[in-house]
Amino acid sequence: MVKKRKAVLEKEQQNLKIEYLETKELKRYERNVKIHTKKQIEKLKASIRSFGMVTPLIVDKENTIIAGHGRFQALEELGYKEIPVIRLEHLSETEVNHIVLLTTKLPRMHFMIRNC
């Protein structure tokens, strides 16, 4: 079973591609716990203005945002109509939850460990 799952993951990683979705097609992840401050959103907007959108959002097969809620908010506020995404259709709900946890908690944990 593990070998089969690994083969599926390797195939999916080889097939990653960037798509462009209209903002109205995207859905926020209902259980997203990370709240972005106005200051964080302003910093994201400044970065996007300076460098463009260099990191696509990650969405599931139903266009629900798995990673990139802050970027999505910044892009909406900047008036973007289409947003680059990478679609991960092969994930189970448990795997989605793990990715959400990793992308929201891990960077803060790393910052806390470095600054102790």
N, C-alpha and C. Protein backbone atom coordinates (compact mmCIF):
# COMPACT_ATOMS: atom_id res chain seq x y z
N MET A 1 0.83 -1.20 0.00
CA MET A 1 0.00 0.00 0.00
C MET A 1 0.87 1.26 0.00
N VAL A 2 1.95 1.27 0.79
CA VAL A 2 2.82 2.43 0.86
C VAL A 2 3.49 2.69 -0.48
N LYS A 3 3.96 1.63 -1.16
CA LYS A 3 4.60 1.80 -2.47
C LYS A 3 3.62 2.37 -3.49
N LYS A 4 2.37 1.90 -3.44
CA LYS A 4 1.36 2.40 -4.37
C LYS A 4 1.11 3.88 -4.12
N ARG A 5 0.99 4.27 -2.85
CA ARG A 5 0.74 5.67 -2.50
C ARG A 5 1.92 6.54 -2.94
N LYS A 6 3.13 6.05 -2.73
CA LYS A 6 4.33 6.79 -3.12
C LYS A 6 4.35 7.00 -4.64
N ALA A 7 3.97 5.98 -5.39
CA ALA A 7 3.93 6.10 -6.85
C ALA A 7 2.91 7.15 -7.28
N VAL A 8 1.76 7.19 -6.63
CA VAL A 8 0.73 8.19 -6.94
C VAL A 8 1.27 9.58 -6.65
N LEU A 9 1.92 9.76 -5.51
CA LEU A 9 2.48 11.07 -5.14
C LEU A 9 3.55 11.51 -6.14
N GLU A 10 4.42 10.61 -6.51
CA GLU A 10 5.47 10.95 -7.48
C GLU A 10 4.86 11.36 -8.81
N LYS A 11 3.82 10.66 -9.25
CA LYS A 11 3.16 11.00 -10.52
C LYS A 11 2.50 12.38 -10.41
N GLU A 12 1.83 12.65 -9.29
CA GLU A 12 1.18 13.94 -9.10
C GLU A 12 2.20 15.07 -9.10
N GLN A 13 3.34 14.87 -8.45
CA GLN A 13 4.36 15.90 -8.39
C GLN A 13 4.92 16.20 -9.78
N GLN A 14 5.01 15.20 -10.61
CA GLN A 14 5.51 15.41 -11.98
C GLN A 14 4.51 16.20 -12.81
N ASN A 15 3.24 16.13 -12.44
CA ASN A 15 2.19 16.76 -13.23
C ASN A 15 1.72 18.10 -12.67
N LEU A 16 2.43 18.67 -11.71
CA LEU A 16 2.02 19.95 -11.16
C LEU A 16 2.09 21.02 -12.24
N LYS A 17 1.04 21.83 -12.30
CA LYS A 17 1.05 22.93 -13.25
C LYS A 17 0.25 24.09 -12.66
N ILE A 18 0.59 25.26 -13.12
CA ILE A 18 -0.09 26.46 -12.64
C ILE A 18 -1.31 26.71 -13.52
N GLU A 19 -2.43 26.93 -12.86
CA GLU A 19 -3.68 27.30 -13.54
C GLU A 19 -4.03 28.71 -13.08
N TYR A 20 -4.89 29.37 -13.81
CA TYR A 20 -5.38 30.69 -13.41
C TYR A 20 -6.89 30.58 -13.22
N LEU A 21 -7.34 30.91 -12.00
CA LEU A 21 -8.77 30.86 -11.69
C LEU A 21 -9.27 32.26 -11.36
N GLU A 22 -10.51 32.52 -11.71
CA GLU A 22 -11.12 33.79 -11.33
C GLU A 22 -11.32 33.79 -9.82
N THR A 23 -11.19 34.97 -9.22
CA THR A 23 -11.32 35.06 -7.76
C THR A 23 -12.66 34.50 -7.27
N LYS A 24 -13.71 34.70 -8.05
CA LYS A 24 -15.03 34.23 -7.62
C LYS A 24 -15.13 32.70 -7.63
N GLU A 25 -14.19 32.01 -8.30
CA GLU A 25 -14.20 30.55 -8.33
C GLU A 25 -13.56 29.94 -7.08
N LEU A 26 -12.77 30.74 -6.37
CA LEU A 26 -12.03 30.22 -5.21
C LEU A 26 -12.86 30.29 -3.95
N LYS A 27 -12.67 29.27 -3.09
CA LYS A 27 -13.39 29.20 -1.82
C LYS A 27 -12.36 29.16 -0.69
N ARG A 28 -12.66 29.89 0.36
CA ARG A 28 -11.78 29.84 1.53
C ARG A 28 -12.00 28.52 2.28
N TYR A 29 -10.92 28.01 2.84
CA TYR A 29 -10.99 26.79 3.66
C TYR A 29 -11.72 27.13 4.95
N GLU A 30 -12.84 26.47 5.20
CA GLU A 30 -13.71 26.81 6.34
C GLU A 30 -13.02 26.71 7.69
N ARG A 31 -12.09 25.76 7.81
CA ARG A 31 -11.45 25.55 9.11
C ARG A 31 -10.08 26.22 9.21
N ASN A 32 -9.83 27.18 8.31
CA ASN A 32 -8.57 27.92 8.38
C ASN A 32 -8.55 28.72 9.68
N VAL A 33 -7.52 28.53 10.48
CA VAL A 33 -7.47 29.19 11.78
C VAL A 33 -6.55 30.41 11.80
N LYS A 34 -5.75 30.58 10.77
CA LYS A 34 -4.81 31.69 10.75
C LYS A 34 -5.53 32.98 10.37
N ILE A 35 -5.35 33.99 11.19
CA ILE A 35 -5.92 35.30 10.92
C ILE A 35 -4.77 36.23 10.55
N HIS A 36 -4.88 36.90 9.44
CA HIS A 36 -3.85 37.83 9.00
C HIS A 36 -4.22 39.24 9.46
N THR A 37 -3.25 39.92 10.05
CA THR A 37 -3.48 41.29 10.48
C THR A 37 -3.48 42.21 9.27
N LYS A 38 -4.00 43.40 9.45
CA LYS A 38 -3.99 44.40 8.38
C LYS A 38 -2.55 44.69 7.95
N LYS A 39 -1.64 44.73 8.93
CA LYS A 39 -0.23 44.98 8.64
C LYS A 39 0.35 43.88 7.75
N GLN A 40 0.03 42.62 8.05
CA GLN A 40 0.51 41.51 7.23
C GLN A 40 -0.02 41.59 5.81
N ILE A 41 -1.30 41.92 5.68
CA ILE A 41 -1.90 42.03 4.35
C ILE A 41 -1.25 43.18 3.57
N GLU A 42 -0.99 44.29 4.25
CA GLU A 42 -0.34 45.42 3.59
C GLU A 42 1.06 45.04 3.11
N LYS A 43 1.79 44.25 3.92
CA LYS A 43 3.12 43.79 3.51
C LYS A 43 3.03 42.86 2.30
N LEU A 44 2.04 41.98 2.30
CA LEU A 44 1.84 41.08 1.16
C LEU A 44 1.51 41.89 -0.09
N LYS A 45 0.65 42.90 0.05
CA LYS A 45 0.29 43.73 -1.10
C LYS A 45 1.51 44.47 -1.64
N ALA A 46 2.35 44.99 -0.74
CA ALA A 46 3.56 45.69 -1.18
C ALA A 46 4.49 44.73 -1.93
N SER A 47 4.61 43.52 -1.43
CA SER A 47 5.45 42.52 -2.08
C SER A 47 4.91 42.18 -3.47
N ILE A 48 3.60 42.01 -3.57
CA ILE A 48 2.98 41.67 -4.86
C ILE A 48 3.15 42.83 -5.84
N ARG A 49 3.01 44.06 -5.34
CA ARG A 49 3.21 45.23 -6.22
C ARG A 49 4.66 45.27 -6.74
N SER A 50 5.61 44.92 -5.86
CA SER A 50 7.03 45.00 -6.22
C SER A 50 7.48 43.86 -7.13
N PHE A 51 7.06 42.65 -6.80
CA PHE A 51 7.60 41.46 -7.47
C PHE A 51 6.59 40.69 -8.29
N GLY A 52 5.30 41.04 -8.19
CA GLY A 52 4.26 40.27 -8.83
C GLY A 52 3.87 39.09 -7.95
N MET A 53 2.98 38.29 -8.45
CA MET A 53 2.52 37.11 -7.72
C MET A 53 3.46 35.96 -8.05
N VAL A 54 4.40 35.66 -7.16
CA VAL A 54 5.43 34.66 -7.46
C VAL A 54 5.16 33.30 -6.81
N THR A 55 4.18 33.24 -5.91
CA THR A 55 3.86 31.97 -5.25
C THR A 55 2.37 31.67 -5.45
N PRO A 56 2.03 30.69 -6.28
CA PRO A 56 0.62 30.36 -6.49
C PRO A 56 -0.04 29.86 -5.20
N LEU A 57 -1.35 30.03 -5.14
CA LEU A 57 -2.12 29.44 -4.06
C LEU A 57 -2.19 27.94 -4.31
N ILE A 58 -2.45 27.18 -3.25
CA ILE A 58 -2.67 25.74 -3.41
C ILE A 58 -4.15 25.49 -3.14
N VAL A 59 -4.80 24.82 -4.10
CA VAL A 59 -6.23 24.53 -3.97
C VAL A 59 -6.47 23.04 -4.14
N ASP A 60 -7.63 22.60 -3.67
CA ASP A 60 -8.01 21.20 -3.85
C ASP A 60 -8.88 21.08 -5.10
N LYS A 61 -9.44 19.91 -5.30
CA LYS A 61 -10.22 19.64 -6.52
C LYS A 61 -11.50 20.47 -6.60
N GLU A 62 -11.93 21.05 -5.46
CA GLU A 62 -13.16 21.86 -5.45
C GLU A 62 -12.86 23.36 -5.38
N ASN A 63 -11.61 23.73 -5.68
CA ASN A 63 -11.16 25.12 -5.67
C ASN A 63 -11.15 25.75 -4.27
N THR A 64 -11.06 24.90 -3.26
CA THR A 64 -10.94 25.40 -1.90
C THR A 64 -9.47 25.67 -1.62
N ILE A 65 -9.18 26.84 -1.08
CA ILE A 65 -7.80 27.23 -0.81
C ILE A 65 -7.26 26.40 0.35
N ILE A 66 -6.16 25.71 0.10
CA ILE A 66 -5.48 24.93 1.13
C ILE A 66 -4.37 25.78 1.74
N ALA A 67 -3.66 26.52 0.92
CA ALA A 67 -2.58 27.38 1.39
C ALA A 67 -2.58 28.66 0.57
N GLY A 68 -2.48 29.79 1.28
CA GLY A 68 -2.40 31.07 0.61
C GLY A 68 -3.55 32.02 0.89
N HIS A 69 -4.21 31.87 2.04
CA HIS A 69 -5.33 32.75 2.36
C HIS A 69 -4.93 34.22 2.44
N GLY A 70 -3.76 34.49 3.02
CA GLY A 70 -3.30 35.87 3.12
C GLY A 70 -3.02 36.47 1.75
N ARG A 71 -2.35 35.69 0.90
CA ARG A 71 -2.08 36.14 -0.46
C ARG A 71 -3.38 36.38 -1.22
N PHE A 72 -4.34 35.48 -1.01
CA PHE A 72 -5.64 35.63 -1.67
C PHE A 72 -6.31 36.94 -1.25
N GLN A 73 -6.30 37.24 0.04
CA GLN A 73 -6.90 38.48 0.52
C GLN A 73 -6.19 39.69 -0.08
N ALA A 74 -4.85 39.64 -0.10
CA ALA A 74 -4.07 40.74 -0.66
C ALA A 74 -4.40 40.93 -2.15
N LEU A 75 -4.47 39.83 -2.88
CA LEU A 75 -4.77 39.90 -4.32
C LEU A 75 -6.16 40.45 -4.57
N GLU A 76 -7.12 40.03 -3.75
CA GLU A 76 -8.48 40.57 -3.87
C GLU A 76 -8.48 42.08 -3.65
N GLU A 77 -7.78 42.51 -2.60
CA GLU A 77 -7.73 43.94 -2.28
C GLU A 77 -7.03 44.73 -3.38
N LEU A 78 -6.09 44.11 -4.07
CA LEU A 78 -5.40 44.77 -5.17
C LEU A 78 -6.21 44.74 -6.47
N GLY A 79 -7.34 44.04 -6.44
CA GLY A 79 -8.22 44.03 -7.61
C GLY A 79 -7.92 42.97 -8.64
N TYR A 80 -7.12 41.96 -8.28
CA TYR A 80 -6.84 40.88 -9.23
C TYR A 80 -8.13 40.14 -9.56
N LYS A 81 -8.32 39.82 -10.81
CA LYS A 81 -9.50 39.06 -11.25
C LYS A 81 -9.17 37.58 -11.43
N GLU A 82 -7.91 37.28 -11.77
CA GLU A 82 -7.45 35.90 -11.92
C GLU A 82 -6.24 35.70 -11.02
N ILE A 83 -6.19 34.50 -10.43
CA ILE A 83 -5.13 34.20 -9.47
C ILE A 83 -4.48 32.87 -9.85
N PRO A 84 -3.14 32.82 -9.82
CA PRO A 84 -2.46 31.56 -10.12
C PRO A 84 -2.60 30.56 -8.97
N VAL A 85 -2.89 29.33 -9.34
CA VAL A 85 -3.05 28.27 -8.35
C VAL A 85 -2.36 27.00 -8.83
N ILE A 86 -2.02 26.17 -7.86
CA ILE A 86 -1.61 24.80 -8.14
C ILE A 86 -2.68 23.92 -7.52
N ARG A 87 -3.25 23.06 -8.33
CA ARG A 87 -4.35 22.19 -7.87
C ARG A 87 -3.79 20.84 -7.42
N LEU A 88 -4.15 20.45 -6.21
CA LEU A 88 -3.77 19.14 -5.68
C LEU A 88 -5.05 18.32 -5.51
N GLU A 89 -5.33 17.49 -6.50
CA GLU A 89 -6.58 16.73 -6.51
C GLU A 89 -6.47 15.38 -5.81
N HIS A 90 -5.27 14.95 -5.53
CA HIS A 90 -5.06 13.59 -5.02
C HIS A 90 -5.09 13.51 -3.49
N LEU A 91 -5.34 14.61 -2.80
CA LEU A 91 -5.25 14.62 -1.34
C LEU A 91 -6.54 14.18 -0.67
N SER A 92 -6.37 13.41 0.39
CA SER A 92 -7.52 13.07 1.24
C SER A 92 -7.78 14.26 2.17
N GLU A 93 -8.90 14.25 2.85
CA GLU A 93 -9.21 15.33 3.80
C GLU A 93 -8.15 15.41 4.90
N THR A 94 -7.68 14.26 5.35
CA THR A 94 -6.63 14.23 6.37
C THR A 94 -5.35 14.88 5.85
N GLU A 95 -5.00 14.59 4.62
CA GLU A 95 -3.80 15.18 4.03
C GLU A 95 -3.95 16.69 3.85
N VAL A 96 -5.13 17.13 3.47
CA VAL A 96 -5.40 18.57 3.37
C VAL A 96 -5.19 19.21 4.73
N ASN A 97 -5.73 18.60 5.78
CA ASN A 97 -5.57 19.14 7.12
C ASN A 97 -4.11 19.23 7.52
N HIS A 98 -3.31 18.24 7.14
CA HIS A 98 -1.87 18.27 7.44
C HIS A 98 -1.18 19.43 6.73
N ILE A 99 -1.51 19.63 5.46
CA ILE A 99 -0.90 20.73 4.71
C ILE A 99 -1.29 22.07 5.31
N VAL A 100 -2.56 22.23 5.67
CA VAL A 100 -3.01 23.47 6.30
C VAL A 100 -2.23 23.71 7.59
N LEU A 101 -2.08 22.68 8.39
CA LEU A 101 -1.33 22.80 9.64
C LEU A 101 0.12 23.18 9.37
N LEU A 102 0.74 22.50 8.42
CA LEU A 102 2.15 22.78 8.10
C LEU A 102 2.35 24.20 7.59
N THR A 103 1.45 24.67 6.75
CA THR A 103 1.65 25.99 6.16
C THR A 103 1.26 27.13 7.09
N THR A 104 0.50 26.84 8.14
CA THR A 104 0.13 27.90 9.08
C THR A 104 0.95 27.86 10.36
N LYS A 105 1.25 26.70 10.85
CA LYS A 105 1.93 26.58 12.14
C LYS A 105 3.44 26.47 12.03
N LEU A 106 3.93 25.74 11.05
CA LEU A 106 5.36 25.47 10.97
C LEU A 106 6.21 26.73 10.84
N PRO A 107 5.85 27.70 9.98
CA PRO A 107 6.69 28.91 9.91
C PRO A 107 6.78 29.65 11.23
N ARG A 108 5.67 29.71 11.98
CA ARG A 108 5.70 30.39 13.28
C ARG A 108 6.52 29.60 14.29
N MET A 109 6.43 28.28 14.24
CA MET A 109 7.21 27.45 15.16
C MET A 109 8.70 27.64 14.88
N HIS A 110 9.08 27.70 13.61
CA HIS A 110 10.48 27.90 13.23
C HIS A 110 10.97 29.25 13.74
N PHE A 111 10.14 30.28 13.60
CA PHE A 111 10.51 31.61 14.06
C PHE A 111 10.69 31.60 15.58
N MET A 112 9.79 30.94 16.29
CA MET A 112 9.88 30.89 17.75
C MET A 112 11.13 30.14 18.20
N ILE A 113 11.45 29.05 17.54
CA ILE A 113 12.63 28.26 17.91
C ILE A 113 13.90 29.06 17.65
N ARG A 114 13.97 29.73 16.51
CA ARG A 114 15.15 30.53 16.16
C ARG A 114 15.37 31.69 17.12
N ASN A 115 14.30 32.23 17.66
CA ASN A 115 14.42 33.41 18.50
C ASN A 115 14.38 33.12 19.99
N CYS A 116 14.53 31.87 20.37
CA CYS A 116 14.57 31.51 21.80
C CYS A 116 15.98 31.64 22.34
